[in-house]
C-alpha atoms as a PDB file:
ATOM      1  CA  MET A   1     -23.301 -11.056 -14.687  1.00  0.00           C
ATOM      2  CA  SER A   2     -26.167  -8.646 -14.061  1.00  0.00           C
ATOM      3  CA  ASP A   3     -25.575  -4.915 -13.972  1.00  0.00           C
ATOM      4  CA  GLY A   4     -26.637  -2.936 -10.923  1.00  0.00           C
ATOM      5  CA  ASP A   5     -26.182   0.565  -9.615  1.00  0.00           C
ATOM      6  CA  ALA A   6     -22.877   2.344  -9.146  1.00  0.00           C
ATOM      7  CA  ALA A   7     -20.953   1.529  -5.974  1.00  0.00           C
ATOM      8  CA  THR A   8     -18.108   3.256  -4.128  1.00  0.00           C
ATOM      9  CA  ALA A   9     -15.346   1.920  -1.883  1.00  0.00           C
ATOM     10  CA  PHE A  10     -12.505   3.411   0.160  1.00  0.00           C
ATOM     11  CA  ALA A  11      -9.054   1.869   0.589  1.00  0.00           C
ATOM     12  CA  PRO A  12      -6.429   3.440   2.844  1.00  0.00           C
ATOM     13  CA  GLY A  13      -3.015   4.472   1.651  1.00  0.00           C
ATOM     14  CA  HIS A  14      -0.147   2.276   2.796  1.00  0.00           C
ATOM     15  CA  VAL A  15       3.508   3.069   3.438  1.00  0.00           C
ATOM     16  CA  THR A  16       5.869   0.116   3.762  1.00  0.00           C
ATOM     17  CA  GLY A  17       8.857   0.462   6.062  1.00  0.00           C
ATOM     18  CA  PHE A  18      10.627  -2.765   5.111  1.00  0.00           C
ATOM     19  CA  PHE A  19       9.924  -5.896   3.110  1.00  0.00           C
ATOM     20  CA  SER A  20      11.286  -9.047   1.510  1.00  0.00           C
ATOM     21  CA  VAL A  21      10.197 -10.511  -1.815  1.00  0.00           C
ATOM     22  CA  GLU A  22       8.729 -13.998  -2.248  1.00  0.00           C
ATOM     23  CA  ARG A  23       8.140 -15.111  -5.844  1.00  0.00           C
ATOM     24  CA  THR A  24       6.269 -18.341  -6.593  1.00  0.00           C
ATOM     25  CA  GLU A  25       4.540 -20.029  -9.507  1.00  0.00           C
ATOM     26  CA  THR A  26       1.230 -18.209  -8.908  1.00  0.00           C
ATOM     27  CA  PRO A  27       0.329 -14.560  -8.216  1.00  0.00           C
ATOM     28  CA  GLU A  28      -1.862 -15.620  -5.298  1.00  0.00           C
ATOM     29  CA  ARG A  29       1.117 -17.173  -3.486  1.00  0.00           C
ATOM     30  CA  THR A  30       3.586 -14.492  -4.588  1.00  0.00           C
ATOM     31  CA  GLY A  31       3.962 -11.483  -2.318  1.00  0.00           C
ATOM     32  CA  SER A  32       6.105  -9.942   0.364  1.00  0.00           C
ATOM     33  CA  ARG A  33       6.810 -10.162   4.051  1.00  0.00           C
ATOM     34  CA  GLY A  34       7.292  -6.939   5.955  1.00  0.00           C
ATOM     35  CA  ALA A  35       5.483  -4.177   7.795  1.00  0.00           C
ATOM     36  CA  GLY A  36       3.937  -0.785   7.170  1.00  0.00           C
ATOM     37  CA  ILE A  37       1.311   1.742   8.213  1.00  0.00           C
ATOM     38  CA  THR A  38      -2.101   2.255   6.628  1.00  0.00           C
ATOM     39  CA  LEU A  39      -3.222   5.853   6.352  1.00  0.00           C
ATOM     40  CA  SER A  40      -6.500   7.720   6.767  1.00  0.00           C
ATOM     41  CA  ALA A  41      -5.561   9.412   3.500  1.00  0.00           C
ATOM     42  CA  GLY A  42      -6.434   6.926   0.781  1.00  0.00           C
ATOM     43  CA  VAL A  43      -8.304   6.325  -2.451  1.00  0.00           C
ATOM     44  CA  THR A  44     -12.060   6.515  -3.005  1.00  0.00           C
ATOM     45  CA  THR A  45     -13.092   4.489  -6.058  1.00  0.00           C
ATOM     46  CA  ARG A  46     -16.473   4.558  -7.788  1.00  0.00           C
ATOM     47  CA  VAL A  47     -17.475   1.783 -10.189  1.00  0.00           C
ATOM     48  CA  GLU A  48     -20.433   2.124 -12.537  1.00  0.00           C
ATOM     49  CA  PRO A  49     -21.531  -0.435 -15.142  1.00  0.00           C
ATOM     50  CA  SER A  50     -20.759   0.869 -18.632  1.00  0.00           C
ATOM     51  CA  ASP A  51     -20.624  -0.229 -22.270  1.00  0.00           C
ATOM     52  CA  GLU A  52     -16.841   0.136 -22.243  1.00  0.00           C
ATOM     53  CA  THR A  53     -14.188   0.186 -19.562  1.00  0.00           C
ATOM     54  CA  GLN A  54     -12.666   3.540 -18.713  1.00  0.00           C
ATOM     55  CA  VAL A  55     -10.463   4.420 -15.734  1.00  0.00           C
ATOM     56  CA  ARG A  56     -10.044   7.934 -14.357  1.00  0.00           C
ATOM     57  CA  LEU A  57      -7.871   9.144 -11.510  1.00  0.00           C
ATOM     58  CA  ASN A  58      -8.493  12.625 -10.123  1.00  0.00           C
ATOM     59  CA  GLY A  59     -10.518  13.411 -13.242  1.00  0.00           C
ATOM     60  CA  ARG A  60      -7.900  12.299 -15.783  1.00  0.00           C
ATOM     61  CA  GLU A  61      -8.156   9.188 -17.920  1.00  0.00           C
ATOM     62  CA  VAL A  62      -5.340   6.809 -16.970  1.00  0.00           C
ATOM     63  CA  GLY A  63      -4.162   3.310 -17.673  1.00  0.00           C
ATOM     64  CA  VAL A  64      -3.977   1.313 -14.436  1.00  0.00           C
ATOM     65  CA  GLU A  65      -3.318  -2.325 -15.257  1.00  0.00           C
ATOM     66  CA  SER A  66      -4.184  -3.587 -11.789  1.00  0.00           C
ATOM     67  CA  VAL A  67      -7.672  -2.076 -12.122  1.00  0.00           C
ATOM     68  CA  THR A  68      -8.366  -3.501 -15.575  1.00  0.00           C
ATOM     69  CA  ARG A  69      -7.155  -6.911 -14.415  1.00  0.00           C
ATOM     70  CA  VAL A  70      -9.611  -6.791 -11.504  1.00  0.00           C
ATOM     71  CA  LEU A  71     -12.477  -5.950 -13.851  1.00  0.00           C
ATOM     72  CA  ASP A  72     -11.455  -8.747 -16.221  1.00  0.00           C
ATOM     73  CA  ALA A  73     -11.358 -11.235 -13.341  1.00  0.00           C
ATOM     74  CA  LEU A  74     -14.891 -10.195 -12.351  1.00  0.00           C
ATOM     75  CA  ASP A  75     -16.093 -10.215 -15.974  1.00  0.00           C
ATOM     76  CA  ALA A  76     -17.138  -6.584 -15.537  1.00  0.00           C
ATOM     77  CA  THR A  77     -17.146  -3.664 -17.966  1.00  0.00           C
ATOM     78  CA  ALA A  78     -17.278  -0.412 -16.043  1.00  0.00           C
ATOM     79  CA  ALA A  79     -16.440   3.247 -15.712  1.00  0.00           C
ATOM     80  CA  VAL A  80     -14.017   3.516 -12.801  1.00  0.00           C
ATOM     81  CA  SER A  81     -13.402   6.889 -11.178  1.00  0.00           C
ATOM     82  CA  ALA A  82     -10.863   7.224  -8.354  1.00  0.00           C
ATOM     83  CA  GLU A  83      -9.990  10.238  -6.223  1.00  0.00           C
ATOM     84  CA  THR A  84      -7.013  10.678  -3.920  1.00  0.00           C
ATOM     85  CA  SER A  85      -4.973  13.406  -2.278  1.00  0.00           C
ATOM     86  CA  LEU A  86      -1.928  11.129  -2.086  1.00  0.00           C
ATOM     87  CA  PRO A  87       1.052  11.697  -4.401  1.00  0.00           C
ATOM     88  CA  LEU A  88       1.357   9.173  -7.214  1.00  0.00           C
ATOM     89  CA  GLY A  89       4.328   6.856  -7.583  1.00  0.00           C
ATOM     90  CA  ALA A  90       5.673   7.945  -4.213  1.00  0.00           C
ATOM     91  CA  GLY A  91       5.245   4.837  -2.081  1.00  0.00           C
ATOM     92  CA  PHE A  92       1.635   5.172  -0.890  1.00  0.00           C
ATOM     93  CA  GLY A  93       0.154   2.088  -2.563  1.00  0.00           C
ATOM     94  CA  VAL A  94      -2.240   4.039  -4.779  1.00  0.00           C
ATOM     95  CA  SER A  95      -2.426   1.332  -7.459  1.00  0.00           C
ATOM     96  CA  GLY A  96      -3.135  -1.291  -4.808  1.00  0.00           C
ATOM     97  CA  ALA A  97      -5.814   0.891  -3.234  1.00  0.00           C
ATOM     98  CA  MET A  98      -7.418   1.411  -6.642  1.00  0.00           C
ATOM     99  CA  ALA A  99      -7.364  -2.323  -7.360  1.00  0.00           C
ATOM    100  CA  LEU A 100      -8.861  -3.191  -3.969  1.00  0.00           C
ATOM    101  CA  GLY A 101     -11.453  -0.424  -4.135  1.00  0.00           C
ATOM    102  CA  THR A 102     -12.415  -1.511  -7.646  1.00  0.00           C
ATOM    103  CA  ALA A 103     -12.842  -5.111  -6.486  1.00  0.00           C
ATOM    104  CA  LEU A 104     -15.092  -4.136  -3.568  1.00  0.00           C
ATOM    105  CA  ALA A 105     -17.166  -1.658  -5.561  1.00  0.00           C
ATOM    106  CA  ALA A 106     -17.480  -3.858  -8.663  1.00  0.00           C
ATOM    107  CA  ASN A 107     -18.592  -6.789  -6.521  1.00  0.00           C
ATOM    108  CA  SER A 108     -21.478  -4.622  -5.322  1.00  0.00           C
ATOM    109  CA  ALA A 109     -22.246  -2.883  -8.612  1.00  0.00           C
ATOM    110  CA  PHE A 110     -22.377  -6.150 -10.556  1.00  0.00           C
ATOM    111  CA  ASP A 111     -23.799  -8.323  -7.755  1.00  0.00           C
ATOM    112  CA  ALA A 112     -20.856 -10.710  -8.128  1.00  0.00           C
ATOM    113  CA  GLY A 113     -21.432 -12.344  -4.754  1.00  0.00           C
ATOM    114  CA  LEU A 114     -17.791 -12.821  -3.772  1.00  0.00           C
ATOM    115  CA  SER A 115     -16.473 -12.796  -0.205  1.00  0.00           C
ATOM    116  CA  VAL A 116     -14.020 -10.236   1.156  1.00  0.00           C
ATOM    117  CA  ASN A 117     -11.149 -12.726   1.006  1.00  0.00           C
ATOM    118  CA  ASP A 118     -12.048 -13.596  -2.583  1.00  0.00           C
ATOM    119  CA  LEU A 119     -11.996  -9.915  -3.546  1.00  0.00           C
ATOM    120  CA  VAL A 120      -8.702  -9.268  -1.757  1.00  0.00           C
ATOM    121  CA  SER A 121      -7.258 -12.254  -3.623  1.00  0.00           C
ATOM    122  CA  VAL A 122      -8.443 -10.876  -6.968  1.00  0.00           C
ATOM    123  CA  ALA A 123      -6.934  -7.454  -6.248  1.00  0.00           C
ATOM    124  CA  HIS A 124      -3.678  -8.916  -4.888  1.00  0.00           C
ATOM    125  CA  ALA A 125      -3.205 -11.126  -7.947  1.00  0.00           C
ATOM    126  CA  ALA A 126      -3.937  -8.169 -10.235  1.00  0.00           C
ATOM    127  CA  GLU A 127      -1.269  -6.068  -8.498  1.00  0.00           C
ATOM    128  CA  VAL A 128       1.322  -8.835  -8.693  1.00  0.00           C
ATOM    129  CA  GLU A 129       0.617  -9.532 -12.363  1.00  0.00           C
ATOM    130  CA  ALA A 130       0.776  -5.820 -13.168  1.00  0.00           C
ATOM    131  CA  GLY A 131       4.161  -5.571 -11.428  1.00  0.00           C
ATOM    132  CA  THR A 132       3.047  -2.621  -9.314  1.00  0.00           C
ATOM    133  CA  GLY A 133       3.052  -4.169  -5.853  1.00  0.00           C
ATOM    134  CA  LEU A 134       3.493  -7.282  -3.750  1.00  0.00           C
ATOM    135  CA  GLY A 135       1.978  -6.551  -0.347  1.00  0.00           C
ATOM    136  CA  ASP A 136      -0.031  -3.332  -0.373  1.00  0.00           C
ATOM    137  CA  VAL A 137      -3.426  -4.905  -1.087  1.00  0.00           C
ATOM    138  CA  VAL A 138      -3.432  -7.360   1.827  1.00  0.00           C
ATOM    139  CA  ALA A 139      -2.182  -4.613   4.154  1.00  0.00           C
ATOM    140  CA  GLN A 140      -4.833  -2.162   2.948  1.00  0.00           C
ATOM    141  CA  ALA A 141      -7.522  -4.779   3.464  1.00  0.00           C
ATOM    142  CA  ARG A 142      -6.451  -5.191   7.097  1.00  0.00           C
ATOM    143  CA  GLY A 143      -5.785  -1.595   8.165  1.00  0.00           C
ATOM    144  CA  GLY A 144      -3.890  -0.396  11.232  1.00  0.00           C
ATOM    145  CA  VAL A 145      -0.167  -1.179  11.330  1.00  0.00           C
ATOM    146  CA  PRO A 146      -0.044  -4.514   9.490  1.00  0.00           C
ATOM    147  CA  ILE A 147       2.789  -7.009   9.723  1.00  0.00           C
ATOM    148  CA  ARG A 148       2.911  -9.330   6.722  1.00  0.00           C
ATOM    149  CA  VAL A 149       4.194 -12.505   8.377  1.00  0.00           C
ATOM    150  CA  GLU A 150       3.736 -14.742   5.333  1.00  0.00           C
ATOM    151  CA  PRO A 151       3.306 -13.586   1.725  1.00  0.00           C
ATOM    152  CA  GLY A 152       0.378 -13.886  -0.622  1.00  0.00           C
ATOM    153  CA  ALA A 153      -3.381 -13.553  -0.851  1.00  0.00           C
ATOM    154  CA  PRO A 154      -5.614 -14.467   2.134  1.00  0.00           C
ATOM    155  CA  ALA A 155      -5.679 -18.216   1.420  1.00  0.00           C
ATOM    156  CA  HIS A 156      -1.884 -18.332   1.592  1.00  0.00           C
ATOM    157  CA  GLY A 157      -0.562 -15.307   3.498  1.00  0.00           C
ATOM    158  CA  ARG A 158      -0.644 -14.516   7.195  1.00  0.00           C
ATOM    159  CA  LEU A 159      -0.965 -11.127   8.890  1.00  0.00           C
ATOM    160  CA  ASP A 160      -0.351  -9.735  12.348  1.00  0.00           C
ATOM    161  CA  GLY A 161      -0.125  -6.128  13.470  1.00  0.00           C
ATOM    162  CA  VAL A 162       1.353  -3.544  15.810  1.00  0.00           C
ATOM    163  CA  PRO A 163      -1.378  -2.475  18.267  1.00  0.00           C
ATOM    164  CA  ASP A 164      -0.902   1.270  17.991  1.00  0.00           C
ATOM    165  CA  ALA A 165      -2.256   4.333  16.185  1.00  0.00           C
ATOM    166  CA  GLY A 166      -1.819   8.100  16.007  1.00  0.00           C
ATOM    167  CA  ARG A 167      -0.824  11.034  13.835  1.00  0.00           C
ATOM    168  CA  VAL A 168       1.361  10.515  10.758  1.00  0.00           C
ATOM    169  CA  GLU A 169       3.115  13.235   8.743  1.00  0.00           C
ATOM    170  CA  TYR A 170       4.741  12.868   5.344  1.00  0.00           C
ATOM    171  CA  VAL A 171       6.673  14.750   2.679  1.00  0.00           C
ATOM    172  CA  SER A 172       7.293  13.482  -0.864  1.00  0.00           C
ATOM    173  CA  PHE A 173      10.144  14.595  -3.084  1.00  0.00           C
ATOM    174  CA  ARG A 174       9.685  12.393  -6.160  1.00  0.00           C
ATOM    175  CA  GLY A 175       8.690   8.886  -7.190  1.00  0.00           C
ATOM    176  CA  LEU A 176      10.507   5.605  -7.644  1.00  0.00           C
ATOM    177  CA  SER A 177       9.486   2.856 -10.061  1.00  0.00           C
ATOM    178  CA  THR A 178       8.199  -0.061  -8.013  1.00  0.00           C
ATOM    179  CA  SER A 179       8.596  -2.453 -10.942  1.00  0.00           C
ATOM    180  CA  ASP A 180      12.232  -1.403 -11.460  1.00  0.00           C
ATOM    181  CA  VAL A 181      13.104  -2.274  -7.859  1.00  0.00           C
ATOM    182  CA  ILE A 182      11.042  -5.415  -7.237  1.00  0.00           C
ATOM    183  CA  GLY A 183      11.602  -6.673 -10.774  1.00  0.00           C
ATOM    184  CA  GLY A 184      15.392  -6.816 -10.401  1.00  0.00           C
ATOM    185  CA  ASP A 185      17.771  -8.661  -8.081  1.00  0.00           C
ATOM    186  CA  THR A 186      16.170  -8.429  -4.644  1.00  0.00           C
ATOM    187  CA  ALA A 187      18.427 -10.820  -2.691  1.00  0.00           C
ATOM    188  CA  THR A 188      20.205  -8.161  -0.602  1.00  0.00           C
ATOM    189  CA  LEU A 189      16.994  -6.227  -0.035  1.00  0.00           C
ATOM    190  CA  SER A 190      15.088  -9.360   1.003  1.00  0.00           C
ATOM    191  CA  ALA A 191      17.791 -10.460   3.446  1.00  0.00           C
ATOM    192  CA  ALA A 192      17.593  -7.077   5.181  1.00  0.00           C
ATOM    193  CA  GLY A 193      13.796  -7.310   5.197  1.00  0.00           C
ATOM    194  CA  GLU A 194      13.779 -10.749   6.811  1.00  0.00           C
ATOM    195  CA  ASP A 195      16.090  -9.516   9.581  1.00  0.00           C
ATOM    196  CA  ALA A 196      13.848  -6.504  10.224  1.00  0.00           C
ATOM    197  CA  LEU A 197      10.702  -8.640  10.309  1.00  0.00           C
ATOM    198  CA  ALA A 198      12.162 -11.052  12.850  1.00  0.00           C
ATOM    199  CA  ALA A 199      13.239  -8.162  15.073  1.00  0.00           C
ATOM    200  CA  LEU A 200       9.824  -6.457  14.901  1.00  0.00           C
ATOM    201  CA  ARG A 201       7.957  -9.640  15.765  1.00  0.00           C
ATOM    202  CA  GLU A 202      10.061  -9.919  18.925  1.00  0.00           C
ATOM    203  CA  HIS A 203       9.078  -6.381  19.992  1.00  0.00           C
ATOM    204  CA  PRO A 204       6.086  -5.096  17.953  1.00  0.00           C
ATOM    205  CA  THR A 205       5.916  -1.371  18.725  1.00  0.00           C
ATOM    206  CA  LEU A 206       5.717   1.654  16.446  1.00  0.00           C
ATOM    207  CA  PRO A 207       9.068   3.145  17.564  1.00  0.00           C
ATOM    208  CA  ARG A 208      10.714  -0.231  16.945  1.00  0.00           C
ATOM    209  CA  PHE A 209       9.085  -0.417  13.508  1.00  0.00           C
ATOM    210  CA  MET A 210      10.411   3.037  12.621  1.00  0.00           C
ATOM    211  CA  ALA A 211      13.958   2.231  13.770  1.00  0.00           C
ATOM    212  CA  LEU A 212      13.988  -1.031  11.816  1.00  0.00           C
ATOM    213  CA  SER A 213      12.630   0.750   8.736  1.00  0.00           C
ATOM    214  CA  ARG A 214      15.478   3.272   8.868  1.00  0.00           C
ATOM    215  CA  GLU A 215      18.014   0.477   9.213  1.00  0.00           C
ATOM    216  CA  PHE A 216      16.431  -1.419   6.306  1.00  0.00           C
ATOM    217  CA  SER A 217      16.536   1.524   3.900  1.00  0.00           C
ATOM    218  CA  ARG A 218      20.234   2.005   4.663  1.00  0.00           C
ATOM    219  CA  ASP A 219      21.087  -1.703   4.388  1.00  0.00           C
ATOM    220  CA  ALA A 220      19.177  -1.948   1.091  1.00  0.00           C
ATOM    221  CA  GLY A 221      21.073   1.044  -0.321  1.00  0.00           C
ATOM    222  CA  LEU A 222      17.915   3.086  -0.906  1.00  0.00           C
ATOM    223  CA  LEU A 223      18.407   5.949   1.566  1.00  0.00           C
ATOM    224  CA  ASP A 224      20.172   9.026   0.178  1.00  0.00           C
ATOM    225  CA  GLY A 225      19.768  12.677  -0.821  1.00  0.00           C
ATOM    226  CA  GLU A 226      16.771  14.673   0.351  1.00  0.00           C
ATOM    227  CA  VAL A 227      15.146  11.626   1.903  1.00  0.00           C
ATOM    228  CA  GLU A 228      18.170  10.839   4.056  1.00  0.00           C
ATOM    229  CA  ALA A 229      18.466  14.492   5.085  1.00  0.00           C
ATOM    230  CA  ALA A 230      14.811  14.621   6.154  1.00  0.00           C
ATOM    231  CA  VAL A 231      15.011  11.374   8.109  1.00  0.00           C
ATOM    232  CA  GLU A 232      18.133  12.577   9.916  1.00  0.00           C
ATOM    233  CA  ALA A 233      16.568  15.976  10.640  1.00  0.00           C
ATOM    234  CA  VAL A 234      13.587  14.322  12.317  1.00  0.00           C
ATOM    235  CA  THR A 235      15.685  11.919  14.372  1.00  0.00           C
ATOM    236  CA  ASP A 236      18.064  14.732  15.372  1.00  0.00           C
ATOM    237  CA  ALA A 237      15.016  16.631  16.660  1.00  0.00           C
ATOM    238  CA  GLY A 238      14.013  13.628  18.763  1.00  0.00           C
ATOM    239  CA  GLY A 239      11.359  12.259  16.414  1.00  0.00           C
ATOM    240  CA  GLU A 240      10.735   9.045  14.493  1.00  0.00           C
ATOM    241  CA  ALA A 241      10.918   9.023  10.678  1.00  0.00           C
ATOM    242  CA  ALA A 242      11.628   6.559   7.874  1.00  0.00           C
ATOM    243  CA  MET A 243      11.588   6.223   4.090  1.00  0.00           C
ATOM    244  CA  ALA A 244       8.489   4.822   2.368  1.00  0.00           C
ATOM    245  CA  MET A 245       9.066   1.773   0.172  1.00  0.00           C
ATOM    246  CA  LEU A 246       9.163   2.478  -2.669  1.00  0.00           C
ATOM    247  CA  GLY A 247       9.230   6.220  -3.142  1.00  0.00           C
ATOM    248  CA  GLU A 248      11.207   9.336  -2.379  1.00  0.00           C
ATOM    249  CA  THR A 249       8.904   9.897   0.597  1.00  0.00           C
ATOM    250  CA  VAL A 250       9.571  10.362   4.304  1.00  0.00           C
ATOM    251  CA  PHE A 251       6.891   9.561   6.875  1.00  0.00           C
ATOM    252  CA  ALA A 252       7.074  10.421  10.556  1.00  0.00           C
ATOM    253  CA  LEU A 253       5.125   9.763  13.724  1.00  0.00           C
ATOM    254  CA  GLY A 254       3.375  12.576  15.576  1.00  0.00           C
ATOM    255  CA  THR A 255       4.771  16.010  14.713  1.00  0.00           C
ATOM    256  CA  GLY A 256       8.219  14.724  13.755  1.00  0.00           C
ATOM    257  CA  LEU A 257       8.523  16.460  10.385  1.00  0.00           C
ATOM    258  CA  SER A 258       6.898  19.667  11.626  1.00  0.00           C
ATOM    259  CA  ASP A 259       9.313  19.801  14.554  1.00  0.00           C
ATOM    260  CA  ALA A 260      12.215  19.373  12.114  1.00  0.00           C
ATOM    261  CA  GLY A 261      11.119  22.433  10.115  1.00  0.00           C
ATOM    262  CA  TYR A 262       9.234  20.759   7.264  1.00  0.00           C
ATOM    263  CA  ASP A 263       5.728  21.586   6.024  1.00  0.00           C
ATOM    264  CA  PRO A 264       4.245  18.086   5.836  1.00  0.00           C
ATOM    265  CA  GLU A 265       0.904  16.631   4.882  1.00  0.00           C
ATOM    266  CA  VAL A 266      -0.917  15.242   7.909  1.00  0.00           C
ATOM    267  CA  CYS A 267      -3.079  12.156   8.352  1.00  0.00           C
ATOM    268  CA  ARG A 268      -3.505   9.342  10.867  1.00  0.00           C
ATOM    269  CA  VAL A 269      -3.098   5.613  11.132  1.00  0.00           C
ATOM    270  CA  HIS A 270      -6.274   4.179   9.586  1.00  0.00           C
ATOM    271  CA  PRO A 271      -7.785   1.818  12.173  1.00  0.00           C
ATOM    272  CA  ALA A 272      -9.835  -0.237   9.717  1.00  0.00           C
ATOM    273  CA  GLY A 273      -9.223  -1.796   6.340  1.00  0.00           C
ATOM    274  CA  ALA A 274     -10.839  -1.069   2.998  1.00  0.00           C
ATOM    275  CA  THR A 275     -14.607  -0.587   3.141  1.00  0.00           C
ATOM    276  CA  LEU A 276     -17.580  -0.401   0.829  1.00  0.00           C
ATOM    277  CA  ASP A 277     -19.444   2.892   1.172  1.00  0.00           C
ATOM    278  CA  ILE A 278     -23.071   2.309   2.107  1.00  0.00           C
END
């Protein structure tokens, strides 16, 4: 594969409100059903051909398996540099955004000639194999408020969406290990996720999504402590809030967290998916 110039891509952050796990014999078919919100706050990833692969996040050298798997799949050796304002390990899909951004940028930098769906498939499979996510990549590729109707990469999965947008606030308290949760027994969690998905598809609005997300986090036994207190404070103040899957993070619509007395970070629903910077 010929080396070209450096290339840069942006992938939005993604908070999942509810999900169910679908494991199959291949990473391309494996994934999750569910729904979430993509965020204008995301990850910008620069890929430059290099003699050896190195990955940096916010200036620090890191090991991100999903990124190295993407490079291996594209037969690319590169210096990867990612920047984000999002908290790490807190339910914002940073590893998925890095994998997707790396795929888009490496395709350009190395003149790989793959289609968007091919690149999303590469990044999705890398995330699944790394154990760091099941549905972020396909959601981040779509943008908006994606509903993952069927799991897997583009050749296998199916997406819809909630036709809405607006301001989003969030506060993060600490992280949760995605692999610890999705790698264990997910039967109860998945049953709750399937119920939430069916209900949202009957009435696909943002307030409905938020209410179902709150119900899911309670049914799955994930809502407690500071997260539960913040969600209840927002709803008591008349707002809409839910827990991000999977992280000790609360996200709210509009000024929900501000109105409840918190000092949140602010962004918006990202209307588009991941993009290559021109």
